[in-house]
Amino acid sequence: MNFIEMKAALIDLIRKSSYREGDFTLASGKKSTFYIDLKATTLHPEGAYLIGQLAVEKIRQAGLIVQGVGGLTLGADPLATAVSLAVRAAGFQWPAFIVRKEPKDHGTAKYIEGTENLSRGARLVVLEDVVTTGGSSQKAIERLREAGYQPCVVLTVVDREEGGARIFEKMGVQFLALTTLGELKGS
């Protein structure tokens, strides 16, 4: 499958597995008549495969040089593994990392897991399943910067097209989306 075919397959899987209509309150606090619970897609073998392949190609097309992939737990966890495995299959390595919402309450008390595999100052991709206002990725970017890393891009599977891109631009971080709400809705 080429990029366009893989993207179409991902959109189809998201529509079948993750898109719901009704009355919902989003993580941002906003009300919505639809909800995208992407875990049904990201935890599916085909979804993980497609996301990994598409993400690696999207980052390559953007000409970005990166050294790791991850994001805020829980939404980014399966994405980080999918992308890290896809890039390994392509012959190079971007170790995965996880940013905790709260520091570990025992042992090392770390906010970020997987730092042993990252160089100080590494250029990182922050992964997000669905971006609305960008709050989750913004937290991850802040934590990573505090720890001495360089988050250079946010890559989301679905951009709800509700302002997240502007937040990242203000933070000096590039924004990439594998698909948009408009594409999911067919508009």
N, C-alpha and C. Protein backbone atom coordinates (compact mmCIF):
# COMPACT_ATOMS: atom_id res chain seq x y z
N MET A 1 0.84 -1.20 0.00
CA MET A 1 0.00 0.00 0.00
C MET A 1 0.88 1.25 0.00
N ASN A 2 0.45 2.24 -0.75
CA ASN A 2 1.16 3.51 -0.73
C ASN A 2 0.55 4.42 0.35
N PHE A 3 1.11 5.61 0.50
CA PHE A 3 0.67 6.54 1.54
C PHE A 3 -0.82 6.85 1.45
N ILE A 4 -1.31 7.14 0.26
CA ILE A 4 -2.72 7.50 0.08
C ILE A 4 -3.63 6.33 0.44
N GLU A 5 -3.26 5.13 0.04
CA GLU A 5 -4.05 3.94 0.37
C GLU A 5 -4.04 3.66 1.87
N MET A 6 -2.87 3.82 2.50
CA MET A 6 -2.78 3.61 3.95
C MET A 6 -3.62 4.64 4.70
N LYS A 7 -3.58 5.89 4.25
CA LYS A 7 -4.38 6.93 4.89
C LYS A 7 -5.86 6.63 4.76
N ALA A 8 -6.29 6.21 3.60
CA ALA A 8 -7.70 5.86 3.40
C ALA A 8 -8.10 4.69 4.29
N ALA A 9 -7.23 3.71 4.43
CA ALA A 9 -7.51 2.56 5.30
C ALA A 9 -7.60 3.00 6.76
N LEU A 10 -6.73 3.92 7.18
CA LEU A 10 -6.77 4.43 8.55
C LEU A 10 -8.07 5.19 8.80
N ILE A 11 -8.45 6.05 7.88
CA ILE A 11 -9.70 6.81 8.03
C ILE A 11 -10.88 5.86 8.14
N ASP A 12 -10.90 4.83 7.32
CA ASP A 12 -11.99 3.84 7.36
C ASP A 12 -12.03 3.14 8.72
N LEU A 13 -10.88 2.75 9.23
CA LEU A 13 -10.82 2.08 10.53
C LEU A 13 -11.27 3.01 11.65
N ILE A 14 -10.85 4.27 11.61
CA ILE A 14 -11.27 5.25 12.63
C ILE A 14 -12.78 5.42 12.59
N ARG A 15 -13.34 5.56 11.40
CA ARG A 15 -14.79 5.72 11.27
C ARG A 15 -15.53 4.53 11.87
N LYS A 16 -15.04 3.33 11.62
CA LYS A 16 -15.70 2.11 12.10
C LYS A 16 -15.51 1.89 13.59
N SER A 17 -14.31 2.15 14.10
CA SER A 17 -13.95 1.77 15.46
C SER A 17 -13.97 2.88 16.49
N SER A 18 -13.74 4.12 16.08
CA SER A 18 -13.45 5.16 17.05
C SER A 18 -14.35 6.39 17.02
N TYR A 19 -15.12 6.56 15.98
CA TYR A 19 -15.95 7.76 15.84
C TYR A 19 -17.35 7.49 16.36
N ARG A 20 -17.84 8.32 17.28
CA ARG A 20 -19.18 8.18 17.85
C ARG A 20 -19.89 9.53 17.84
N GLU A 21 -21.20 9.50 17.58
CA GLU A 21 -22.01 10.71 17.66
C GLU A 21 -22.89 10.65 18.90
N GLY A 22 -23.18 11.81 19.49
CA GLY A 22 -23.96 11.92 20.71
C GLY A 22 -23.63 13.23 21.40
N ASP A 23 -23.81 13.28 22.72
CA ASP A 23 -23.46 14.45 23.52
C ASP A 23 -22.27 14.10 24.40
N PHE A 24 -21.16 14.81 24.22
CA PHE A 24 -19.92 14.48 24.92
C PHE A 24 -19.27 15.74 25.48
N THR A 25 -18.53 15.57 26.58
CA THR A 25 -17.67 16.61 27.12
C THR A 25 -16.24 16.16 26.87
N LEU A 26 -15.46 16.99 26.20
CA LEU A 26 -14.09 16.66 25.84
C LEU A 26 -13.13 16.97 26.99
N ALA A 27 -11.90 16.48 26.88
CA ALA A 27 -10.88 16.75 27.89
C ALA A 27 -10.65 18.24 28.07
N SER A 28 -10.85 19.00 27.01
CA SER A 28 -10.68 20.46 27.06
C SER A 28 -11.82 21.14 27.82
N GLY A 29 -12.89 20.38 28.12
CA GLY A 29 -14.06 20.95 28.78
C GLY A 29 -15.14 21.36 27.79
N LYS A 30 -14.81 21.39 26.51
CA LYS A 30 -15.77 21.76 25.48
C LYS A 30 -16.82 20.66 25.30
N LYS A 31 -18.02 21.07 24.91
CA LYS A 31 -19.09 20.14 24.57
C LYS A 31 -18.98 19.81 23.08
N SER A 32 -19.36 18.58 22.72
CA SER A 32 -19.29 18.17 21.33
C SER A 32 -20.41 17.19 21.01
N THR A 33 -20.84 17.18 19.75
CA THR A 33 -21.87 16.25 19.30
C THR A 33 -21.24 14.96 18.75
N PHE A 34 -19.93 14.85 18.84
CA PHE A 34 -19.25 13.63 18.42
C PHE A 34 -18.01 13.44 19.28
N TYR A 35 -17.51 12.21 19.30
CA TYR A 35 -16.34 11.88 20.09
C TYR A 35 -15.49 10.90 19.31
N ILE A 36 -14.20 11.09 19.36
CA ILE A 36 -13.27 10.18 18.71
C ILE A 36 -12.45 9.50 19.80
N ASP A 37 -12.82 8.27 20.13
CA ASP A 37 -12.08 7.48 21.12
C ASP A 37 -11.07 6.65 20.35
N LEU A 38 -9.92 7.21 20.12
CA LEU A 38 -8.96 6.62 19.20
C LEU A 38 -8.29 5.35 19.73
N LYS A 39 -8.44 5.05 21.01
CA LYS A 39 -7.78 3.85 21.55
C LYS A 39 -8.23 2.58 20.84
N ALA A 40 -9.50 2.53 20.40
CA ALA A 40 -9.97 1.36 19.66
C ALA A 40 -9.20 1.18 18.36
N THR A 41 -8.69 2.27 17.81
CA THR A 41 -7.88 2.22 16.58
C THR A 41 -6.41 2.03 16.90
N THR A 42 -5.88 2.77 17.86
CA THR A 42 -4.44 2.70 18.15
C THR A 42 -4.04 1.36 18.76
N LEU A 43 -4.97 0.70 19.43
CA LEU A 43 -4.66 -0.60 20.04
C LEU A 43 -5.00 -1.77 19.12
N HIS A 44 -5.54 -1.49 17.97
CA HIS A 44 -5.84 -2.52 16.96
C HIS A 44 -4.56 -2.77 16.16
N PRO A 45 -4.21 -4.01 15.84
CA PRO A 45 -2.96 -4.27 15.11
C PRO A 45 -2.88 -3.51 13.78
N GLU A 46 -3.98 -3.48 13.03
CA GLU A 46 -3.97 -2.76 11.75
C GLU A 46 -3.84 -1.26 11.97
N GLY A 47 -4.53 -0.73 12.98
CA GLY A 47 -4.44 0.69 13.29
C GLY A 47 -3.04 1.09 13.69
N ALA A 48 -2.43 0.30 14.58
CA ALA A 48 -1.06 0.59 15.01
C ALA A 48 -0.09 0.54 13.83
N TYR A 49 -0.25 -0.46 12.98
CA TYR A 49 0.62 -0.59 11.81
C TYR A 49 0.48 0.64 10.90
N LEU A 50 -0.77 0.98 10.56
CA LEU A 50 -1.00 2.12 9.66
C LEU A 50 -0.48 3.42 10.26
N ILE A 51 -0.76 3.65 11.53
CA ILE A 51 -0.30 4.88 12.20
C ILE A 51 1.22 4.95 12.19
N GLY A 52 1.87 3.85 12.52
CA GLY A 52 3.33 3.83 12.52
C GLY A 52 3.91 4.16 11.16
N GLN A 53 3.41 3.50 10.13
CA GLN A 53 3.91 3.72 8.77
C GLN A 53 3.64 5.15 8.30
N LEU A 54 2.43 5.63 8.50
CA LEU A 54 2.07 6.98 8.06
C LEU A 54 2.85 8.05 8.82
N ALA A 55 3.04 7.86 10.12
CA ALA A 55 3.78 8.84 10.91
C ALA A 55 5.23 8.95 10.45
N VAL A 56 5.86 7.82 10.23
CA VAL A 56 7.26 7.84 9.77
C VAL A 56 7.36 8.55 8.42
N GLU A 57 6.44 8.26 7.52
CA GLU A 57 6.47 8.90 6.20
C GLU A 57 6.18 10.39 6.30
N LYS A 58 5.22 10.77 7.14
CA LYS A 58 4.87 12.19 7.32
C LYS A 58 6.08 12.98 7.86
N ILE A 59 6.76 12.42 8.83
CA ILE A 59 7.94 13.07 9.41
C ILE A 59 9.06 13.15 8.38
N ARG A 60 9.23 12.08 7.61
CA ARG A 60 10.24 12.07 6.54
C ARG A 60 9.93 13.14 5.50
N GLN A 61 8.65 13.22 5.07
CA GLN A 61 8.24 14.21 4.08
C GLN A 61 8.48 15.64 4.57
N ALA A 62 8.34 15.85 5.88
CA ALA A 62 8.55 17.18 6.46
C ALA A 62 10.04 17.52 6.59
N GLY A 63 10.90 16.55 6.34
CA GLY A 63 12.34 16.79 6.40
C GLY A 63 12.88 16.97 7.80
N LEU A 64 12.20 16.42 8.78
CA LEU A 64 12.60 16.60 10.17
C LEU A 64 13.66 15.59 10.60
N ILE A 65 14.58 16.06 11.40
CA ILE A 65 15.57 15.18 12.01
C ILE A 65 15.17 15.05 13.48
N VAL A 66 14.85 13.82 13.89
CA VAL A 66 14.40 13.59 15.26
C VAL A 66 15.14 12.40 15.86
N GLN A 67 15.12 12.34 17.20
CA GLN A 67 15.82 11.25 17.89
C GLN A 67 14.92 10.46 18.84
N GLY A 68 13.62 10.77 18.90
CA GLY A 68 12.73 10.01 19.78
C GLY A 68 11.29 10.41 19.56
N VAL A 69 10.38 9.52 20.00
CA VAL A 69 8.94 9.74 19.82
C VAL A 69 8.20 9.36 21.09
N GLY A 70 7.22 10.17 21.45
CA GLY A 70 6.41 9.86 22.63
C GLY A 70 5.48 11.00 22.93
N GLY A 71 4.88 10.94 24.10
CA GLY A 71 3.96 11.99 24.49
C GLY A 71 3.33 11.70 25.82
N LEU A 72 2.28 12.44 26.11
CA LEU A 72 1.61 12.34 27.40
C LEU A 72 0.83 11.03 27.49
N THR A 73 1.04 10.33 28.60
CA THR A 73 0.29 9.09 28.82
C THR A 73 -1.18 9.42 28.99
N LEU A 74 -2.03 8.75 28.51
CA LEU A 74 -2.18 7.42 28.02
C LEU A 74 -2.37 7.41 26.51
N GLY A 75 -2.85 8.49 25.96
CA GLY A 75 -3.14 8.54 24.53
C GLY A 75 -1.94 8.29 23.65
N ALA A 76 -0.76 8.77 24.06
CA ALA A 76 0.43 8.64 23.21
C ALA A 76 1.14 7.30 23.37
N ASP A 77 0.83 6.54 24.40
CA ASP A 77 1.59 5.32 24.68
C ASP A 77 1.58 4.33 23.51
N PRO A 78 0.41 3.92 23.00
CA PRO A 78 0.46 2.97 21.87
C PRO A 78 1.03 3.60 20.61
N LEU A 79 0.88 4.91 20.46
CA LEU A 79 1.43 5.60 19.29
C LEU A 79 2.96 5.55 19.31
N ALA A 80 3.54 5.79 20.48
CA ALA A 80 4.99 5.80 20.60
C ALA A 80 5.57 4.44 20.22
N THR A 81 4.93 3.38 20.67
CA THR A 81 5.41 2.05 20.32
C THR A 81 5.24 1.79 18.83
N ALA A 82 4.09 2.13 18.28
CA ALA A 82 3.84 1.90 16.85
C ALA A 82 4.85 2.63 15.98
N VAL A 83 5.11 3.89 16.28
CA VAL A 83 6.04 4.68 15.46
C VAL A 83 7.47 4.20 15.66
N SER A 84 7.85 3.90 16.89
CA SER A 84 9.19 3.41 17.15
C SER A 84 9.46 2.09 16.42
N LEU A 85 8.50 1.19 16.40
CA LEU A 85 8.66 -0.08 15.69
C LEU A 85 8.69 0.13 14.17
N ALA A 86 7.85 1.04 13.67
CA ALA A 86 7.83 1.31 12.23
C ALA A 86 9.16 1.88 11.75
N VAL A 87 9.72 2.78 12.52
CA VAL A 87 10.99 3.39 12.13
C VAL A 87 12.12 2.37 12.24
N ARG A 88 12.03 1.47 13.21
CA ARG A 88 13.04 0.41 13.34
C ARG A 88 13.00 -0.51 12.11
N ALA A 89 11.78 -0.83 11.65
CA ALA A 89 11.63 -1.66 10.46
C ALA A 89 12.20 -0.96 9.22
N ALA A 90 12.24 0.36 9.25
CA ALA A 90 12.80 1.14 8.13
C ALA A 90 14.32 1.25 8.22
N GLY A 91 14.91 0.73 9.30
CA GLY A 91 16.36 0.66 9.38
C GLY A 91 17.05 1.66 10.28
N PHE A 92 16.30 2.44 11.04
CA PHE A 92 16.93 3.35 11.99
C PHE A 92 16.10 3.38 13.26
N GLN A 93 16.51 4.17 14.26
CA GLN A 93 15.86 4.08 15.56
C GLN A 93 15.46 5.44 16.12
N TRP A 94 14.21 5.50 16.57
CA TRP A 94 13.71 6.60 17.37
C TRP A 94 13.13 5.96 18.63
N PRO A 95 13.87 5.98 19.72
CA PRO A 95 13.35 5.37 20.94
C PRO A 95 12.04 6.04 21.39
N ALA A 96 11.19 5.26 22.00
CA ALA A 96 9.93 5.77 22.53
C ALA A 96 10.15 6.30 23.95
N PHE A 97 9.32 7.27 24.33
CA PHE A 97 9.31 7.78 25.70
C PHE A 97 7.86 8.05 26.10
N ILE A 98 7.63 8.16 27.40
CA ILE A 98 6.31 8.45 27.93
C ILE A 98 6.43 9.59 28.93
N VAL A 99 5.57 10.58 28.81
CA VAL A 99 5.52 11.69 29.76
C VAL A 99 4.34 11.44 30.69
N ARG A 100 4.64 11.36 31.96
CA ARG A 100 3.59 11.14 32.97
C ARG A 100 2.84 12.44 33.26
N LYS A 101 1.59 12.31 33.68
CA LYS A 101 0.81 13.48 34.07
C LYS A 101 1.27 14.00 35.43
N GLU A 102 1.67 13.09 36.28
CA GLU A 102 2.22 13.41 37.61
C GLU A 102 3.52 12.63 37.76
N PRO A 103 4.47 13.13 38.55
CA PRO A 103 5.72 12.38 38.69
C PRO A 103 5.46 11.04 39.39
N LYS A 104 6.29 10.08 39.06
CA LYS A 104 6.22 8.77 39.70
C LYS A 104 6.32 8.98 41.20
N ASP A 105 5.45 8.34 41.97
CA ASP A 105 5.40 8.61 43.42
C ASP A 105 6.34 7.73 44.23
N HIS A 106 7.21 7.00 43.56
CA HIS A 106 8.19 6.17 44.26
C HIS A 106 9.44 6.04 43.38
N GLY A 107 10.46 5.46 43.92
CA GLY A 107 11.69 5.25 43.14
C GLY A 107 12.30 6.54 42.67
N THR A 108 12.35 6.74 41.37
CA THR A 108 13.04 7.89 40.78
C THR A 108 12.21 9.16 40.74
N ALA A 109 10.91 9.07 40.95
CA ALA A 109 9.99 10.22 40.92
C ALA A 109 10.08 10.98 39.60
N LYS A 110 10.25 10.24 38.51
CA LYS A 110 10.42 10.86 37.18
C LYS A 110 9.07 11.22 36.55
N TYR A 111 9.10 12.29 35.75
CA TYR A 111 7.98 12.66 34.89
C TYR A 111 8.07 11.93 33.55
N ILE A 112 9.30 11.64 33.11
CA ILE A 112 9.50 11.09 31.77
C ILE A 112 10.15 9.72 31.88
N GLU A 113 9.52 8.74 31.23
CA GLU A 113 10.07 7.38 31.19
C GLU A 113 10.74 7.17 29.84
N GLY A 114 11.84 6.43 29.83
CA GLY A 114 12.56 6.14 28.60
C GLY A 114 13.72 7.07 28.32
N THR A 115 14.05 7.94 29.27
CA THR A 115 15.13 8.91 29.04
C THR A 115 16.49 8.25 28.90
N GLU A 116 16.61 7.02 29.40
CA GLU A 116 17.89 6.31 29.29
C GLU A 116 18.28 6.09 27.82
N ASN A 117 17.28 6.11 26.95
CA ASN A 117 17.52 5.87 25.53
C ASN A 117 17.62 7.16 24.71
N LEU A 118 17.55 8.31 25.37
CA LEU A 118 17.58 9.60 24.69
C LEU A 118 18.82 10.38 25.09
N SER A 119 19.42 11.06 24.12
CA SER A 119 20.55 11.94 24.41
C SER A 119 20.03 13.26 24.95
N ARG A 120 20.79 13.87 25.83
CA ARG A 120 20.45 15.19 26.34
C ARG A 120 20.29 16.15 25.16
N GLY A 121 19.23 16.91 25.14
CA GLY A 121 18.99 17.86 24.06
C GLY A 121 18.39 17.24 22.81
N ALA A 122 18.00 15.96 22.87
CA ALA A 122 17.46 15.28 21.69
C ALA A 122 16.25 16.00 21.13
N ARG A 123 16.14 15.99 19.80
CA ARG A 123 14.98 16.55 19.09
C ARG A 123 13.90 15.48 19.07
N LEU A 124 12.72 15.83 19.60
CA LEU A 124 11.68 14.83 19.83
C LEU A 124 10.38 15.15 19.11
N VAL A 125 9.67 14.07 18.75
CA VAL A 125 8.32 14.16 18.22
C VAL A 125 7.37 13.90 19.38
N VAL A 126 6.45 14.83 19.59
CA VAL A 126 5.40 14.63 20.59
C VAL A 126 4.18 14.09 19.85
N LEU A 127 3.76 12.90 20.24
CA LEU A 127 2.63 12.23 19.59
C LEU A 127 1.35 12.45 20.38
N GLU A 128 0.25 12.56 19.66
CA GLU A 128 -1.06 12.78 20.28
C GLU A 128 -2.08 12.01 19.45
N ASP A 129 -3.04 11.37 20.12
CA ASP A 129 -4.05 10.64 19.37
C ASP A 129 -5.02 11.60 18.69
N VAL A 130 -5.62 12.51 19.46
CA VAL A 130 -6.56 13.49 18.92
C VAL A 130 -6.21 14.86 19.49
N VAL A 131 -6.07 15.86 18.64
CA VAL A 131 -5.80 17.23 19.09
C VAL A 131 -7.06 18.06 18.92
N THR A 132 -7.50 18.67 20.03
CA THR A 132 -8.58 19.64 20.00
C THR A 132 -7.95 21.01 20.23
N THR A 133 -7.67 21.32 21.49
CA THR A 133 -7.02 22.59 21.81
C THR A 133 -5.52 22.44 22.03
N GLY A 134 -5.04 21.20 22.09
CA GLY A 134 -3.60 20.96 22.23
C GLY A 134 -3.10 20.90 23.65
N GLY A 135 -3.98 20.86 24.63
CA GLY A 135 -3.56 20.90 26.03
C GLY A 135 -2.64 19.77 26.46
N SER A 136 -2.93 18.54 26.04
CA SER A 136 -2.10 17.40 26.44
C SER A 136 -0.69 17.52 25.88
N SER A 137 -0.60 17.86 24.62
CA SER A 137 0.73 17.99 24.02
C SER A 137 1.47 19.19 24.57
N GLN A 138 0.75 20.24 24.91
CA GLN A 138 1.38 21.42 25.52
C GLN A 138 2.04 21.02 26.84
N LYS A 139 1.35 20.22 27.66
CA LYS A 139 1.95 19.75 28.92
C LYS A 139 3.19 18.93 28.66
N ALA A 140 3.12 18.02 27.66
CA ALA A 140 4.27 17.19 27.33
C ALA A 140 5.44 18.04 26.87
N ILE A 141 5.19 19.02 26.03
CA ILE A 141 6.24 19.91 25.53
C ILE A 141 6.92 20.63 26.70
N GLU A 142 6.13 21.17 27.62
CA GLU A 142 6.68 21.88 28.78
C GLU A 142 7.56 20.96 29.62
N ARG A 143 7.08 19.75 29.90
CA ARG A 143 7.86 18.79 30.72
C ARG A 143 9.16 18.42 30.01
N LEU A 144 9.08 18.18 28.71
CA LEU A 144 10.27 17.80 27.95
C LEU A 144 11.29 18.94 27.92
N ARG A 145 10.83 20.16 27.73
CA ARG A 145 11.74 21.31 27.72
C ARG A 145 12.39 21.48 29.09
N GLU A 146 11.61 21.32 30.15
CA GLU A 146 12.16 21.42 31.52
C GLU A 146 13.26 20.39 31.75
N ALA A 147 13.14 19.23 31.09
CA ALA A 147 14.11 18.15 31.25
C ALA A 147 15.30 18.28 30.30
N GLY A 148 15.31 19.33 29.46
CA GLY A 148 16.46 19.57 28.59
C GLY A 148 16.36 18.99 27.20
N TYR A 149 15.15 18.60 26.78
CA TYR A 149 14.96 18.05 25.43
C TYR A 149 14.38 19.13 24.52
N GLN A 150 14.39 18.85 23.21
CA GLN A 150 13.89 19.79 22.22
C GLN A 150 12.70 19.20 21.46
N PRO A 151 11.50 19.35 21.98
CA PRO A 151 10.35 18.92 21.19
C PRO A 151 10.23 19.82 19.96
N CYS A 152 10.30 19.22 18.77
CA CYS A 152 10.33 20.03 17.55
C CYS A 152 9.06 19.91 16.73
N VAL A 153 8.25 18.89 17.01
CA VAL A 153 7.02 18.69 16.24
C VAL A 153 6.00 17.94 17.09
N VAL A 154 4.73 18.31 16.91
CA VAL A 154 3.62 17.52 17.43
C VAL A 154 3.00 16.83 16.24
N LEU A 155 2.85 15.53 16.34
CA LEU A 155 2.19 14.76 15.29
C LEU A 155 0.96 14.11 15.90
N THR A 156 -0.20 14.41 15.35
CA THR A 156 -1.44 13.82 15.83
C THR A 156 -2.02 12.90 14.77
N VAL A 157 -2.79 11.94 15.23
CA VAL A 157 -3.50 11.07 14.30
C VAL A 157 -4.69 11.84 13.72
N VAL A 158 -5.46 12.50 14.60
CA VAL A 158 -6.63 13.27 14.15
C VAL A 158 -6.56 14.69 14.70
N ASP A 159 -6.63 15.65 13.80
CA ASP A 159 -6.74 17.06 14.19
C ASP A 159 -8.22 17.44 14.10
N ARG A 160 -8.82 17.79 15.23
CA ARG A 160 -10.22 18.21 15.24
C ARG A 160 -10.39 19.61 14.66
N GLU A 161 -9.29 20.25 14.33
CA GLU A 161 -9.30 21.57 13.68
C GLU A 161 -9.99 22.63 14.55
N GLU A 162 -9.63 22.62 15.85
CA GLU A 162 -10.25 23.55 16.79
C GLU A 162 -9.22 24.41 17.52
N GLY A 163 -8.07 24.65 16.92
CA GLY A 163 -7.14 25.61 17.50
C GLY A 163 -5.82 25.05 18.00
N GLY A 164 -5.68 23.75 18.06
CA GLY A 164 -4.43 23.17 18.55
C GLY A 164 -3.22 23.62 17.75
N ALA A 165 -3.36 23.68 16.44
CA ALA A 165 -2.23 24.06 15.58
C ALA A 165 -1.68 25.44 15.95
N ARG A 166 -2.56 26.38 16.27
CA ARG A 166 -2.11 27.74 16.65
C ARG A 166 -1.31 27.73 17.95
N ILE A 167 -1.72 26.89 18.89
CA ILE A 167 -1.00 26.79 20.17
C ILE A 167 0.44 26.33 19.92
N PHE A 168 0.61 25.32 19.09
CA PHE A 168 1.94 24.79 18.83
C PHE A 168 2.80 25.80 18.08
N GLU A 169 2.19 26.52 17.15
CA GLU A 169 2.92 27.56 16.43
C GLU A 169 3.46 28.60 17.40
N LYS A 170 2.63 29.02 18.37
CA LYS A 170 3.07 30.00 19.38
C LYS A 170 4.20 29.45 20.23
N MET A 171 4.23 28.11 20.40
CA MET A 171 5.27 27.47 21.20
C MET A 171 6.53 27.19 20.39
N GLY A 172 6.50 27.50 19.10
CA GLY A 172 7.65 27.27 18.24
C GLY A 172 7.84 25.81 17.86
N VAL A 173 6.73 25.08 17.80
CA VAL A 173 6.77 23.66 17.49
C VAL A 173 5.93 23.41 16.24
N GLN A 174 6.48 22.69 15.29
CA GLN A 174 5.76 22.36 14.06
C GLN A 174 4.59 21.41 14.39
N PHE A 175 3.55 21.43 13.56
CA PHE A 175 2.37 20.58 13.77
C PHE A 175 2.07 19.79 12.52
N LEU A 176 1.92 18.48 12.68
CA LEU A 176 1.56 17.58 11.58
C LEU A 176 0.37 16.73 12.00
N ALA A 177 -0.52 16.45 11.06
CA ALA A 177 -1.68 15.59 11.34
C ALA A 177 -1.77 14.51 10.27
N LEU A 178 -2.04 13.29 10.70
CA LEU A 178 -2.24 12.21 9.73
C LEU A 178 -3.59 12.35 9.04
N THR A 179 -4.58 12.86 9.77
CA THR A 179 -5.90 13.11 9.18
C THR A 179 -6.59 14.22 9.97
N THR A 180 -7.67 14.72 9.42
CA THR A 180 -8.42 15.80 10.07
C THR A 180 -9.87 15.38 10.27
N LEU A 181 -10.55 16.13 11.10
CA LEU A 181 -11.97 15.89 11.32
C LEU A 181 -12.73 16.00 10.01
N GLY A 182 -12.41 16.99 9.20
CA GLY A 182 -13.06 17.14 7.90
C GLY A 182 -12.92 15.91 7.03
N GLU A 183 -11.74 15.33 7.04
CA GLU A 183 -11.52 14.10 6.25
C GLU A 183 -12.32 12.93 6.81
N LEU A 184 -12.40 12.84 8.13
CA LEU A 184 -13.19 11.76 8.75
C LEU A 184 -14.67 11.89 8.43
N LYS A 185 -15.15 13.13 8.42
CA LYS A 185 -16.56 13.36 8.14
C LYS A 185 -16.84 13.37 6.64
N GLY A 186 -15.78 13.32 5.83
CA GLY A 186 -15.97 13.29 4.38
C GLY A 186 -16.23 14.63 3.76
N SER A 187 -15.86 15.71 4.48
CA SER A 187 -16.09 17.05 3.92
C SER A 187 -14.81 17.71 3.50
